Every structure is written in structure tokens, then in C-alpha cells.
Amino acid sequence: MKLFKQSKKEDYLVVYVGDSLCRAHHLKPQDGSISQLGFTQFNYENILDLTQQFESWCKNQSVKGLLCRWVLSRDLYQTLQITPPKVTEKELQDAIKWQVKDLIEFPLNEVLVSHYQPKQVESQTSQITAVVVKKQLVETLIESANKIGLEMDSIEIEELSLGHALLDHLDSNKIKGFIGEDSTGLTFSFFNGSELAFSRYKKGYFLPSQAAEEFTLEGENNEQEDAFLLETQRTLDYVVSQVFRRPVEQILLQQTSGNSSKLAQLVKQITEIEVALVKPQITQQYQEFEPPSLVEIGCALRQDGQ
């Protein structure tokens, strides 16, 4: 789902916007990897502060004329699973707005409503995911990019951008899951082939961060590990019984440290599913830059038409 889209160039300015954090990357996809040419990160108090700091950084960089892709964190949009209204394709977008109006906290004239279609399986009732975001936020981001001289390309959502970073790990006709984290919680995404079928987010829960030798099924687990294992098992039970009605064939686990391989072994033990570690593939020319996340990589790798 893209709220705004234009053309295609080689370099991108990918800007991740969280509830109070902004990260901007100058990225260049090439030869199966991505080069990171520029980076900034800052906290902001409100949307005006966000755009002022972003514009100040851009003026000191060689970014004028680049394509700009914004990706919104889950804190900045709401998703709702709904049965699509029985209307024509031309009438669908407007009908969705009225269908969700009593489920959102803002008046309809203050929000933009879009949607995407999760990859269904034959046994599922057809559903769509409505995406609601504040209109003022979208309009301000577009205005800021235009003011700097960037070529506005898209405003995307976190759960869909992730899949483009995982394409090399996804296979047609196979069910695979991804377990990772962002700055505020755990992310569970499940793919039917190369398309997103189900997404779950658990705020306040994170990947365990124990020393490698401490990951074990024996003895007492710490609170963080217990919570992670419980949420992982609950999520798997739900997607197997309610979403796919068939086993998940592989779990892709976000690699966060040298201890991740031990965590992968633990996840394999409790789920009896093959586990593979994944991390962003990035060529860093400047070691002081923080590397982009998988979501930010995915935003850069998306091709037109996806």
C-alpha cells in the first residue's frame, strides 16, 4: 500500500518516521546490495519540529532531486481487518471509509483511508486490511519533501515495507514467518509465497538479550525470554489453526547480535520448525552511520508496481 507514488530513480532518500524518532538514509541499491551514502537520526517533539530538523539536514546534503520515500511506523497508523463492502471497485475506497468510521478515533475528514489485500488461502473468508493515517501528517510530509526539492515517491507503512527486504528468503507456495523487533516491540509477519498474509505486533515485548550460553529450555528462564517464547507460540498456534490451516515451513528470525544463533536454536526446539537468521544487507562507506533496519531496506528495494 502506497499513499503516494511517482517515478523511479537509482538513489533514494528513505525516511522512517516513528512516534518521536526520525531516521533518514541516503541509499543506493546496486548489485544485489545497498550502499548507504548518508544518514541522520533525531528525536522530535511535534510535526513542525520533525520537518524543520529534516529540512535542515537535507540542506547540508547532496539530496536535491532524489526520490523520497517515507515509511511510517506502526505508531502512526491504524489497521483494521474488515470484510470488503459489496460495491464496485470504483466505489470501494469511499465505501471502506464509511465502514470504518465508527472504529477510528478521528473524524473522517481528518484521516486518509487506504487498504491492502492480504494473501488469502483457499479456506479463508476474503478480508481486506484498512489502513488509517492522519491527513495532516501525510500532507505535511509531502509539503516538506517538495520544499526541499526532493521528488516525492511514496508514503508507505512498516508492515508492507518489511516484505521487500525478505524477498530472497521467501518461496512461492511456501508459508514462512518472520520474527523481529523494532524500537517499541515484537513483530510477527507471515507470508504466503512472497506476499504478506498476516501481521501481528506486540508492543513492549522484545527479542531476548541474554548471553548466548544462557538460552536454554532447562532451568528457569528469565521474564523476557518467557514472554518472547509465549508470544511466539501463541502467534504460531493462531496462524496455523486460523489463517493457513497448514504448517509454517520456516521461521526467519531477525539477527540482532552474536547471540542470535543460540536464540534461533531455542526457537527451533520449541516450535519444531526450521529457523534461519536474517539481517540487512548493506554496504557502509561510513562506519559512523547507523545501518538501516530491514523495514528501511525493504522500502528502498521496492520496485515500481509492487
C-alpha atoms as a PDB file:
ATOM      1  CA  MET A   1       0.000   0.000   0.000  1.00  0.00           C
ATOM      2  CA  LYS A   2       1.435   3.306  -1.089  1.00  0.00           C
ATOM      3  CA  LEU A   3      -0.350   6.552  -0.305  1.00  0.00           C
ATOM      4  CA  PHE A   4       1.580   8.469  -2.955  1.00  0.00           C
ATOM      5  CA  LYS A   5       3.722   7.343  -5.837  1.00  0.00           C
ATOM      6  CA  GLN A   6       5.532   8.759  -8.851  1.00  0.00           C
ATOM      7  CA  SER A   7       8.536   7.586 -10.871  1.00  0.00           C
ATOM      8  CA  LYS A   8      11.760   5.646 -10.410  1.00  0.00           C
ATOM      9  CA  LYS A   9      15.434   6.587  -9.993  1.00  0.00           C
ATOM     10  CA  GLU A  10      18.563   4.879  -8.721  1.00  0.00           C
ATOM     11  CA  ASP A  11      19.091   6.755  -5.439  1.00  0.00           C
ATOM     12  CA  TYR A  12      16.537   7.056  -2.672  1.00  0.00           C
ATOM     13  CA  LEU A  13      16.110   9.103   0.436  1.00  0.00           C
ATOM     14  CA  VAL A  14      14.320   6.688   2.775  1.00  0.00           C
ATOM     15  CA  VAL A  15      12.878   8.447   5.824  1.00  0.00           C
ATOM     16  CA  TYR A  16      11.481   6.401   8.701  1.00  0.00           C
ATOM     17  CA  VAL A  17       9.080   8.323  10.951  1.00  0.00           C
ATOM     18  CA  GLY A  18       8.249   6.960  14.395  1.00  0.00           C
ATOM     19  CA  ASP A  19       6.146   8.463  17.153  1.00  0.00           C
ATOM     20  CA  SER A  20       9.042  10.687  18.305  1.00  0.00           C
ATOM     21  CA  LEU A  21      12.026   9.452  16.257  1.00  0.00           C
ATOM     22  CA  CYS A  22      13.033  10.152  12.662  1.00  0.00           C
ATOM     23  CA  ARG A  23      15.770   8.352  10.702  1.00  0.00           C
ATOM     24  CA  ALA A  24      16.799   9.427   7.196  1.00  0.00           C
ATOM     25  CA  HIS A  25      19.045   7.363   4.896  1.00  0.00           C
ATOM     26  CA  HIS A  26      20.509   8.196   1.508  1.00  0.00           C
ATOM     27  CA  LEU A  27      20.534   4.727  -0.093  1.00  0.00           C
ATOM     28  CA  LYS A  28      21.598   3.377  -3.480  1.00  0.00           C
ATOM     29  CA  PRO A  29      20.526  -0.179  -4.413  1.00  0.00           C
ATOM     30  CA  GLN A  30      23.129  -1.856  -6.629  1.00  0.00           C
ATOM     31  CA  ASP A  31      24.372  -5.347  -7.478  1.00  0.00           C
ATOM     32  CA  GLY A  32      22.042  -7.126  -5.056  1.00  0.00           C
ATOM     33  CA  SER A  33      23.036  -4.944  -2.111  1.00  0.00           C
ATOM     34  CA  ILE A  34      22.532  -1.383  -0.925  1.00  0.00           C
ATOM     35  CA  SER A  35      25.092   1.353  -0.369  1.00  0.00           C
ATOM     36  CA  GLN A  36      24.488   3.814   2.438  1.00  0.00           C
ATOM     37  CA  LEU A  37      25.663   7.273   1.394  1.00  0.00           C
ATOM     38  CA  GLY A  38      24.179   9.429   4.132  1.00  0.00           C
ATOM     39  CA  PHE A  39      22.380   9.177   7.473  1.00  0.00           C
ATOM     40  CA  THR A  40      20.821  11.225  10.240  1.00  0.00           C
ATOM     41  CA  GLN A  41      18.702  10.415  13.271  1.00  0.00           C
ATOM     42  CA  PHE A  42      16.918  12.731  15.665  1.00  0.00           C
ATOM     43  CA  ASN A  43      14.091  12.945  18.169  1.00  0.00           C
ATOM     44  CA  TYR A  44      11.300  15.422  17.553  1.00  0.00           C
ATOM     45  CA  GLU A  45       8.503  16.918  19.654  1.00  0.00           C
ATOM     46  CA  ASN A  46       5.848  17.567  17.009  1.00  0.00           C
ATOM     47  CA  ILE A  47       5.337  17.503  13.251  1.00  0.00           C
ATOM     48  CA  LEU A  48       6.708  21.035  12.819  1.00  0.00           C
ATOM     49  CA  ASP A  49       9.873  20.120  14.720  1.00  0.00           C
ATOM     50  CA  LEU A  50      10.201  16.973  12.592  1.00  0.00           C
ATOM     51  CA  THR A  51      10.073  18.855   9.291  1.00  0.00           C
ATOM     52  CA  GLN A  52      12.371  21.639  10.466  1.00  0.00           C
ATOM     53  CA  GLN A  53      15.101  19.224  11.559  1.00  0.00           C
ATOM     54  CA  PHE A  54      14.689  17.115   8.424  1.00  0.00           C
ATOM     55  CA  GLU A  55      14.858  20.134   6.123  1.00  0.00           C
ATOM     56  CA  SER A  56      17.941  21.460   7.932  1.00  0.00           C
ATOM     57  CA  TRP A  57      19.785  18.157   7.410  1.00  0.00           C
ATOM     58  CA  CYS A  58      18.786  17.960   3.758  1.00  0.00           C
ATOM     59  CA  LYS A  59      20.141  21.452   3.059  1.00  0.00           C
ATOM     60  CA  ASN A  60      23.589  20.259   4.156  1.00  0.00           C
ATOM     61  CA  GLN A  61      23.460  17.118   1.984  1.00  0.00           C
ATOM     62  CA  SER A  62      23.535  16.488  -1.760  1.00  0.00           C
ATOM     63  CA  VAL A  63      19.992  15.168  -1.842  1.00  0.00           C
ATOM     64  CA  LYS A  64      18.111  17.671  -4.011  1.00  0.00           C
ATOM     65  CA  GLY A  65      16.322  15.876  -6.833  1.00  0.00           C
ATOM     66  CA  LEU A  66      16.442  12.454  -5.157  1.00  0.00           C
ATOM     67  CA  LEU A  67      13.360  10.304  -4.847  1.00  0.00           C
ATOM     68  CA  CYS A  68      11.954  10.459  -1.331  1.00  0.00           C
ATOM     69  CA  ARG A  69      10.203   7.512   0.277  1.00  0.00           C
ATOM     70  CA  TRP A  70       8.659   7.935   3.710  1.00  0.00           C
ATOM     71  CA  VAL A  71       7.852   4.867   5.791  1.00  0.00           C
ATOM     72  CA  LEU A  72       5.537   5.250   8.784  1.00  0.00           C
ATOM     73  CA  SER A  73       5.974   3.282  11.998  1.00  0.00           C
ATOM     74  CA  ARG A  74       3.026   1.369  13.434  1.00  0.00           C
ATOM     75  CA  ASP A  75       2.524   4.140  15.988  1.00  0.00           C
ATOM     76  CA  LEU A  76       1.373   6.480  13.226  1.00  0.00           C
ATOM     77  CA  TYR A  77      -1.316   4.443  11.516  1.00  0.00           C
ATOM     78  CA  GLN A  78      -4.142   2.097  12.419  1.00  0.00           C
ATOM     79  CA  THR A  79      -5.000  -1.158  10.653  1.00  0.00           C
ATOM     80  CA  LEU A  80      -8.417  -2.805  10.741  1.00  0.00           C
ATOM     81  CA  GLN A  81      -9.376  -6.225   9.383  1.00  0.00           C
ATOM     82  CA  ILE A  82     -12.722  -5.904   7.626  1.00  0.00           C
ATOM     83  CA  THR A  83     -14.954  -7.776   5.220  1.00  0.00           C
ATOM     84  CA  PRO A  84     -14.913  -5.778   1.984  1.00  0.00           C
ATOM     85  CA  PRO A  85     -18.164  -3.938   1.228  1.00  0.00           C
ATOM     86  CA  LYS A  86     -20.165  -5.304  -1.669  1.00  0.00           C
ATOM     87  CA  VAL A  87     -19.609  -2.457  -4.105  1.00  0.00           C
ATOM     88  CA  THR A  88     -17.836  -1.973  -7.399  1.00  0.00           C
ATOM     89  CA  GLU A  89     -14.067  -1.486  -7.485  1.00  0.00           C
ATOM     90  CA  LYS A  90     -14.613   2.183  -8.308  1.00  0.00           C
ATOM     91  CA  GLU A  91     -16.756   2.661  -5.192  1.00  0.00           C
ATOM     92  CA  LEU A  92     -14.617   0.507  -2.869  1.00  0.00           C
ATOM     93  CA  GLN A  93     -12.294   3.156  -1.430  1.00  0.00           C
ATOM     94  CA  ASP A  94     -15.091   5.501  -0.413  1.00  0.00           C
ATOM     95  CA  ALA A  95     -17.179   2.630   0.974  1.00  0.00           C
ATOM     96  CA  ILE A  96     -14.315   1.449   3.187  1.00  0.00           C
ATOM     97  CA  LYS A  97     -14.086   4.893   4.794  1.00  0.00           C
ATOM     98  CA  TRP A  98     -17.697   4.738   5.908  1.00  0.00           C
ATOM     99  CA  GLN A  99     -17.355   1.147   7.057  1.00  0.00           C
ATOM    100  CA  VAL A 100     -14.523   2.005   9.489  1.00  0.00           C
ATOM    101  CA  LYS A 101     -15.728   5.437  10.645  1.00  0.00           C
ATOM    102  CA  ASP A 102     -17.035   4.130  13.992  1.00  0.00           C
ATOM    103  CA  LEU A 103     -13.831   2.151  14.638  1.00  0.00           C
ATOM    104  CA  ILE A 104     -11.385   5.057  14.477  1.00  0.00           C
ATOM    105  CA  GLU A 105     -10.700   7.871  16.932  1.00  0.00           C
ATOM    106  CA  PHE A 106     -10.691  10.779  14.469  1.00  0.00           C
ATOM    107  CA  PRO A 107     -13.408  12.224  12.194  1.00  0.00           C
ATOM    108  CA  LEU A 108     -13.295  11.021   8.593  1.00  0.00           C
ATOM    109  CA  ASN A 109     -12.352  14.462   7.302  1.00  0.00           C
ATOM    110  CA  GLU A 110      -9.127  14.306   9.376  1.00  0.00           C
ATOM    111  CA  VAL A 111      -7.843  10.986   8.059  1.00  0.00           C
ATOM    112  CA  LEU A 112      -6.864   9.212   4.869  1.00  0.00           C
ATOM    113  CA  VAL A 113      -8.065   5.646   4.462  1.00  0.00           C
ATOM    114  CA  SER A 114      -6.409   3.152   2.150  1.00  0.00           C
ATOM    115  CA  HIS A 115      -6.286  -0.645   2.122  1.00  0.00           C
ATOM    116  CA  TYR A 116      -4.372  -3.710   1.047  1.00  0.00           C
ATOM    117  CA  GLN A 117      -5.354  -7.309   0.380  1.00  0.00           C
ATOM    118  CA  PRO A 118      -3.562  -9.945   2.492  1.00  0.00           C
ATOM    119  CA  LYS A 119      -2.644 -13.069   0.510  1.00  0.00           C
ATOM    120  CA  GLN A 120      -5.583 -15.355   1.201  1.00  0.00           C
ATOM    121  CA  VAL A 121      -5.596 -19.131   1.347  1.00  0.00           C
ATOM    122  CA  GLU A 122      -8.438 -21.141  -0.114  1.00  0.00           C
ATOM    123  CA  SER A 123     -10.050 -21.874   3.264  1.00  0.00           C
ATOM    124  CA  GLN A 124     -10.147 -18.204   4.337  1.00  0.00           C
ATOM    125  CA  THR A 125     -13.049 -15.814   4.127  1.00  0.00           C
ATOM    126  CA  SER A 126     -11.956 -12.923   1.943  1.00  0.00           C
ATOM    127  CA  GLN A 127     -10.885  -9.947   4.061  1.00  0.00           C
ATOM    128  CA  ILE A 128      -9.021  -6.742   3.459  1.00  0.00           C
ATOM    129  CA  THR A 129      -6.908  -4.577   5.743  1.00  0.00           C
ATOM    130  CA  ALA A 130      -7.975  -0.959   6.019  1.00  0.00           C
ATOM    131  CA  VAL A 131      -5.156   1.483   6.844  1.00  0.00           C
ATOM    132  CA  VAL A 132      -5.975   4.785   8.534  1.00  0.00           C
ATOM    133  CA  VAL A 133      -3.495   7.667   8.879  1.00  0.00           C
ATOM    134  CA  LYS A 134      -3.943  11.325   9.812  1.00  0.00           C
ATOM    135  CA  LYS A 135      -4.325  13.511   6.743  1.00  0.00           C
ATOM    136  CA  GLN A 136      -2.297  16.364   8.254  1.00  0.00           C
ATOM    137  CA  LEU A 137       0.730  14.089   8.711  1.00  0.00           C
ATOM    138  CA  VAL A 138       0.662  12.912   5.089  1.00  0.00           C
ATOM    139  CA  GLU A 139       0.143  16.401   3.692  1.00  0.00           C
ATOM    140  CA  THR A 140       2.970  17.807   5.846  1.00  0.00           C
ATOM    141  CA  LEU A 141       5.450  15.127   4.749  1.00  0.00           C
ATOM    142  CA  ILE A 142       4.639  15.735   1.083  1.00  0.00           C
ATOM    143  CA  GLU A 143       4.942  19.502   1.519  1.00  0.00           C
ATOM    144  CA  SER A 144       8.299  19.129   3.305  1.00  0.00           C
ATOM    145  CA  ALA A 145       9.778  16.946   0.558  1.00  0.00           C
ATOM    146  CA  ASN A 146       8.609  19.329  -2.153  1.00  0.00           C
ATOM    147  CA  LYS A 147      10.009  22.344  -0.278  1.00  0.00           C
ATOM    148  CA  ILE A 148      13.487  20.765  -0.187  1.00  0.00           C
ATOM    149  CA  GLY A 149      13.398  19.847  -3.876  1.00  0.00           C
ATOM    150  CA  LEU A 150      13.007  16.098  -3.426  1.00  0.00           C
ATOM    151  CA  GLU A 151      10.923  14.074  -5.853  1.00  0.00           C
ATOM    152  CA  MET A 152       8.107  12.643  -3.756  1.00  0.00           C
ATOM    153  CA  ASP A 153       7.718   8.927  -4.487  1.00  0.00           C
ATOM    154  CA  SER A 154       5.659   7.271  -1.772  1.00  0.00           C
ATOM    155  CA  ILE A 155       4.475   7.125   1.811  1.00  0.00           C
ATOM    156  CA  GLU A 156       4.479   3.511   2.917  1.00  0.00           C
ATOM    157  CA  ILE A 157       3.608   1.520   6.023  1.00  0.00           C
ATOM    158  CA  GLU A 158       6.017  -0.527   8.076  1.00  0.00           C
ATOM    159  CA  GLU A 159       4.369  -3.930   7.812  1.00  0.00           C
ATOM    160  CA  LEU A 160       4.383  -3.896   3.997  1.00  0.00           C
ATOM    161  CA  SER A 161       7.875  -2.446   3.537  1.00  0.00           C
ATOM    162  CA  LEU A 162       9.370  -5.320   5.543  1.00  0.00           C
ATOM    163  CA  GLY A 163       8.442  -7.958   2.961  1.00  0.00           C
ATOM    164  CA  HIS A 164      10.573  -6.381   0.230  1.00  0.00           C
ATOM    165  CA  ALA A 165      13.672  -6.874   2.401  1.00  0.00           C
ATOM    166  CA  LEU A 166      12.844 -10.580   2.799  1.00  0.00           C
ATOM    167  CA  LEU A 167      12.164 -11.486  -0.838  1.00  0.00           C
ATOM    168  CA  ASP A 168      15.388 -13.501  -1.185  1.00  0.00           C
ATOM    169  CA  HIS A 169      14.207 -15.678   1.724  1.00  0.00           C
ATOM    170  CA  LEU A 170      10.622 -16.221   0.528  1.00  0.00           C
ATOM    171  CA  ASP A 171       9.500 -19.019  -1.811  1.00  0.00           C
ATOM    172  CA  SER A 172       6.394 -19.453  -3.919  1.00  0.00           C
ATOM    173  CA  ASN A 173       3.795 -21.815  -2.410  1.00  0.00           C
ATOM    174  CA  LYS A 174       5.595 -21.889   0.957  1.00  0.00           C
ATOM    175  CA  ILE A 175       4.374 -20.481   4.254  1.00  0.00           C
ATOM    176  CA  LYS A 176       7.095 -18.618   6.120  1.00  0.00           C
ATOM    177  CA  GLY A 177       7.094 -16.472   9.230  1.00  0.00           C
ATOM    178  CA  PHE A 178       9.302 -13.600  10.328  1.00  0.00           C
ATOM    179  CA  ILE A 179      10.026 -12.723  13.963  1.00  0.00           C
ATOM    180  CA  GLY A 180      11.801  -9.467  14.708  1.00  0.00           C
ATOM    181  CA  GLU A 181      11.622  -6.289  16.733  1.00  0.00           C
ATOM    182  CA  ASP A 182      11.642  -2.536  16.337  1.00  0.00           C
ATOM    183  CA  SER A 183      12.231   0.183  18.912  1.00  0.00           C
ATOM    184  CA  THR A 184       8.950  -0.481  20.745  1.00  0.00           C
ATOM    185  CA  GLY A 185       8.075  -4.148  20.388  1.00  0.00           C
ATOM    186  CA  LEU A 186       7.983  -7.554  18.717  1.00  0.00           C
ATOM    187  CA  THR A 187       6.969  -8.032  15.097  1.00  0.00           C
ATOM    188  CA  PHE A 188       5.411 -11.208  13.697  1.00  0.00           C
ATOM    189  CA  SER A 189       4.792 -11.369   9.927  1.00  0.00           C
ATOM    190  CA  PHE A 190       3.704 -14.401   7.918  1.00  0.00           C
ATOM    191  CA  PHE A 191       3.995 -14.751   4.168  1.00  0.00           C
ATOM    192  CA  ASN A 192       2.135 -16.919   1.689  1.00  0.00           C
ATOM    193  CA  GLY A 193       4.745 -17.178  -1.039  1.00  0.00           C
ATOM    194  CA  SER A 194       6.141 -13.673  -1.430  1.00  0.00           C
ATOM    195  CA  GLU A 195       3.038 -11.855  -0.176  1.00  0.00           C
ATOM    196  CA  LEU A 196       2.037 -10.792   3.322  1.00  0.00           C
ATOM    197  CA  ALA A 197      -0.805 -12.860   4.741  1.00  0.00           C
ATOM    198  CA  PHE A 198      -0.845 -11.938   8.426  1.00  0.00           C
ATOM    199  CA  SER A 199       0.888  -9.448  10.708  1.00  0.00           C
ATOM    200  CA  ARG A 200       0.909  -9.091  14.492  1.00  0.00           C
ATOM    201  CA  TYR A 201       2.659  -6.561  16.689  1.00  0.00           C
ATOM    202  CA  LYS A 202       3.262  -6.886  20.427  1.00  0.00           C
ATOM    203  CA  LYS A 203       4.292  -3.570  21.950  1.00  0.00           C
ATOM    204  CA  GLY A 204       6.629  -3.708  24.933  1.00  0.00           C
ATOM    205  CA  TYR A 205       7.922  -7.226  24.202  1.00  0.00           C
ATOM    206  CA  PHE A 206      11.362  -7.804  22.681  1.00  0.00           C
ATOM    207  CA  LEU A 207      13.777 -10.487  21.496  1.00  0.00           C
ATOM    208  CA  PRO A 208      15.635 -11.960  24.491  1.00  0.00           C
ATOM    209  CA  SER A 209      19.044 -10.391  25.048  1.00  0.00           C
ATOM    210  CA  GLN A 210      20.748 -12.883  27.360  1.00  0.00           C
ATOM    211  CA  ALA A 211      24.304 -14.109  26.957  1.00  0.00           C
ATOM    212  CA  ALA A 212      24.430 -16.875  24.358  1.00  0.00           C
ATOM    213  CA  GLU A 213      25.130 -19.687  26.805  1.00  0.00           C
ATOM    214  CA  GLU A 214      22.085 -18.749  28.917  1.00  0.00           C
ATOM    215  CA  PHE A 215      19.470 -19.594  26.247  1.00  0.00           C
ATOM    216  CA  THR A 216      18.089 -22.975  27.319  1.00  0.00           C
ATOM    217  CA  LEU A 217      14.882 -24.920  27.795  1.00  0.00           C
ATOM    218  CA  GLU A 218      16.182 -26.290  31.073  1.00  0.00           C
ATOM    219  CA  GLY A 219      16.101 -24.472  34.399  1.00  0.00           C
ATOM    220  CA  GLU A 220      14.448 -21.126  34.963  1.00  0.00           C
ATOM    221  CA  ASN A 221      14.061 -18.731  32.054  1.00  0.00           C
ATOM    222  CA  ASN A 222      14.130 -15.017  32.683  1.00  0.00           C
ATOM    223  CA  GLU A 223      10.998 -12.911  32.298  1.00  0.00           C
ATOM    224  CA  GLN A 224      11.922 -11.503  28.887  1.00  0.00           C
ATOM    225  CA  GLU A 225      12.620 -14.935  27.435  1.00  0.00           C
ATOM    226  CA  ASP A 226       9.412 -16.399  28.887  1.00  0.00           C
ATOM    227  CA  ALA A 227       7.333 -13.604  27.373  1.00  0.00           C
ATOM    228  CA  PHE A 228       9.019 -13.965  23.977  1.00  0.00           C
ATOM    229  CA  LEU A 229       8.515 -17.731  23.841  1.00  0.00           C
ATOM    230  CA  LEU A 230       4.893 -17.451  24.954  1.00  0.00           C
ATOM    231  CA  GLU A 231       4.024 -14.805  22.339  1.00  0.00           C
ATOM    232  CA  THR A 232       5.835 -16.778  19.628  1.00  0.00           C
ATOM    233  CA  GLN A 233       3.921 -19.961  20.419  1.00  0.00           C
ATOM    234  CA  ARG A 234       0.586 -18.142  20.670  1.00  0.00           C
ATOM    235  CA  THR A 235       1.124 -16.470  17.321  1.00  0.00           C
ATOM    236  CA  LEU A 236       2.141 -19.703  15.591  1.00  0.00           C
ATOM    237  CA  ASP A 237      -0.845 -21.570  17.043  1.00  0.00           C
ATOM    238  CA  TYR A 238      -3.185 -18.903  15.704  1.00  0.00           C
ATOM    239  CA  VAL A 239      -1.788 -18.648  12.178  1.00  0.00           C
ATOM    240  CA  VAL A 240      -1.615 -22.423  11.754  1.00  0.00           C
ATOM    241  CA  SER A 241      -5.165 -23.072  13.024  1.00  0.00           C
ATOM    242  CA  GLN A 242      -6.979 -19.935  11.854  1.00  0.00           C
ATOM    243  CA  VAL A 243      -5.069 -18.351   8.964  1.00  0.00           C
ATOM    244  CA  PHE A 244      -3.342 -21.065   6.935  1.00  0.00           C
ATOM    245  CA  ARG A 245      -4.702 -24.377   8.279  1.00  0.00           C
ATOM    246  CA  ARG A 246      -1.348 -25.866   7.354  1.00  0.00           C
ATOM    247  CA  PRO A 247       2.103 -25.823   8.989  1.00  0.00           C
ATOM    248  CA  VAL A 248       4.525 -22.922   8.797  1.00  0.00           C
ATOM    249  CA  GLU A 249       7.543 -24.244   6.898  1.00  0.00           C
ATOM    250  CA  GLN A 250      10.271 -21.880   8.088  1.00  0.00           C
ATOM    251  CA  ILE A 251      10.799 -19.051  10.548  1.00  0.00           C
ATOM    252  CA  LEU A 252      13.003 -16.114   9.618  1.00  0.00           C
ATOM    253  CA  LEU A 253      14.482 -14.650  12.795  1.00  0.00           C
ATOM    254  CA  GLN A 254      15.937 -11.152  12.868  1.00  0.00           C
ATOM    255  CA  GLN A 255      19.650 -11.279  13.676  1.00  0.00           C
ATOM    256  CA  THR A 256      20.390  -8.662  16.308  1.00  0.00           C
ATOM    257  CA  SER A 257      23.672  -9.860  17.836  1.00  0.00           C
ATOM    258  CA  GLY A 258      26.179 -12.680  18.010  1.00  0.00           C
ATOM    259  CA  ASN A 259      23.791 -14.432  20.386  1.00  0.00           C
ATOM    260  CA  SER A 260      21.075 -14.728  17.749  1.00  0.00           C
ATOM    261  CA  SER A 261      22.195 -18.180  16.588  1.00  0.00           C
ATOM    262  CA  LYS A 262      21.568 -19.566  20.079  1.00  0.00           C
ATOM    263  CA  LEU A 263      18.142 -17.955  20.129  1.00  0.00           C
ATOM    264  CA  ALA A 264      17.420 -19.483  16.713  1.00  0.00           C
ATOM    265  CA  GLN A 265      18.240 -22.935  18.110  1.00  0.00           C
ATOM    266  CA  LEU A 266      15.887 -22.343  21.033  1.00  0.00           C
ATOM    267  CA  VAL A 267      13.046 -21.233  18.733  1.00  0.00           C
ATOM    268  CA  LYS A 268      13.612 -24.347  16.619  1.00  0.00           C
ATOM    269  CA  GLN A 269      13.428 -26.534  19.731  1.00  0.00           C
ATOM    270  CA  ILE A 270      10.114 -25.159  20.950  1.00  0.00           C
ATOM    271  CA  THR A 271       8.411 -24.874  17.548  1.00  0.00           C
ATOM    272  CA  GLU A 272       9.991 -27.814  15.685  1.00  0.00           C
ATOM    273  CA  ILE A 273      10.276 -25.516  12.663  1.00  0.00           C
ATOM    274  CA  GLU A 274      13.438 -24.688  10.726  1.00  0.00           C
ATOM    275  CA  VAL A 275      14.831 -21.274  11.652  1.00  0.00           C
ATOM    276  CA  ALA A 276      17.066 -19.022   9.524  1.00  0.00           C
ATOM    277  CA  LEU A 277      18.669 -15.776  10.637  1.00  0.00           C
ATOM    278  CA  VAL A 278      18.206 -12.652   8.515  1.00  0.00           C
ATOM    279  CA  LYS A 279      19.841  -9.230   8.715  1.00  0.00           C
ATOM    280  CA  PRO A 280      20.037  -6.152   6.476  1.00  0.00           C
ATOM    281  CA  GLN A 281      22.472  -6.444   3.555  1.00  0.00           C
ATOM    282  CA  ILE A 282      24.200  -3.095   3.454  1.00  0.00           C
ATOM    283  CA  THR A 283      27.473  -1.648   2.193  1.00  0.00           C
ATOM    284  CA  GLN A 284      28.527   1.048   4.651  1.00  0.00           C
ATOM    285  CA  GLN A 285      31.058   3.551   3.380  1.00  0.00           C
ATOM    286  CA  TYR A 286      30.950   5.471   6.659  1.00  0.00           C
ATOM    287  CA  GLN A 287      31.144   3.398   9.830  1.00  0.00           C
ATOM    288  CA  GLU A 288      29.722   6.198  11.981  1.00  0.00           C
ATOM    289  CA  PHE A 289      26.356   5.790  10.212  1.00  0.00           C
ATOM    290  CA  GLU A 290      23.801   3.505  11.834  1.00  0.00           C
ATOM    291  CA  PRO A 291      22.774   0.845   9.294  1.00  0.00           C
ATOM    292  CA  PRO A 292      19.189   0.869   8.036  1.00  0.00           C
ATOM    293  CA  SER A 293      16.708  -1.575   9.506  1.00  0.00           C
ATOM    294  CA  LEU A 294      15.066  -4.346   7.486  1.00  0.00           C
ATOM    295  CA  VAL A 295      11.998  -2.129   7.090  1.00  0.00           C
ATOM    296  CA  GLU A 296      14.103   0.731   5.722  1.00  0.00           C
ATOM    297  CA  ILE A 297      15.969  -1.663   3.413  1.00  0.00           C
ATOM    298  CA  GLY A 298      12.650  -3.019   2.165  1.00  0.00           C
ATOM    299  CA  CYS A 299      11.366   0.466   1.458  1.00  0.00           C
ATOM    300  CA  ALA A 300      14.437   1.132  -0.726  1.00  0.00           C
ATOM    301  CA  LEU A 301      14.259  -2.223  -2.531  1.00  0.00           C
ATOM    302  CA  ARG A 302      10.601  -1.996  -3.541  1.00  0.00           C
ATOM    303  CA  GLN A 303      10.262  -1.824  -7.294  1.00  0.00           C
ATOM    304  CA  ASP A 304       7.606   0.171  -9.114  1.00  0.00           C
ATOM    305  CA  GLY A 305       4.404  -1.827  -9.397  1.00  0.00           C
ATOM    306  CA  GLN A 306       4.911  -3.700  -6.115  1.00  0.00           C
END
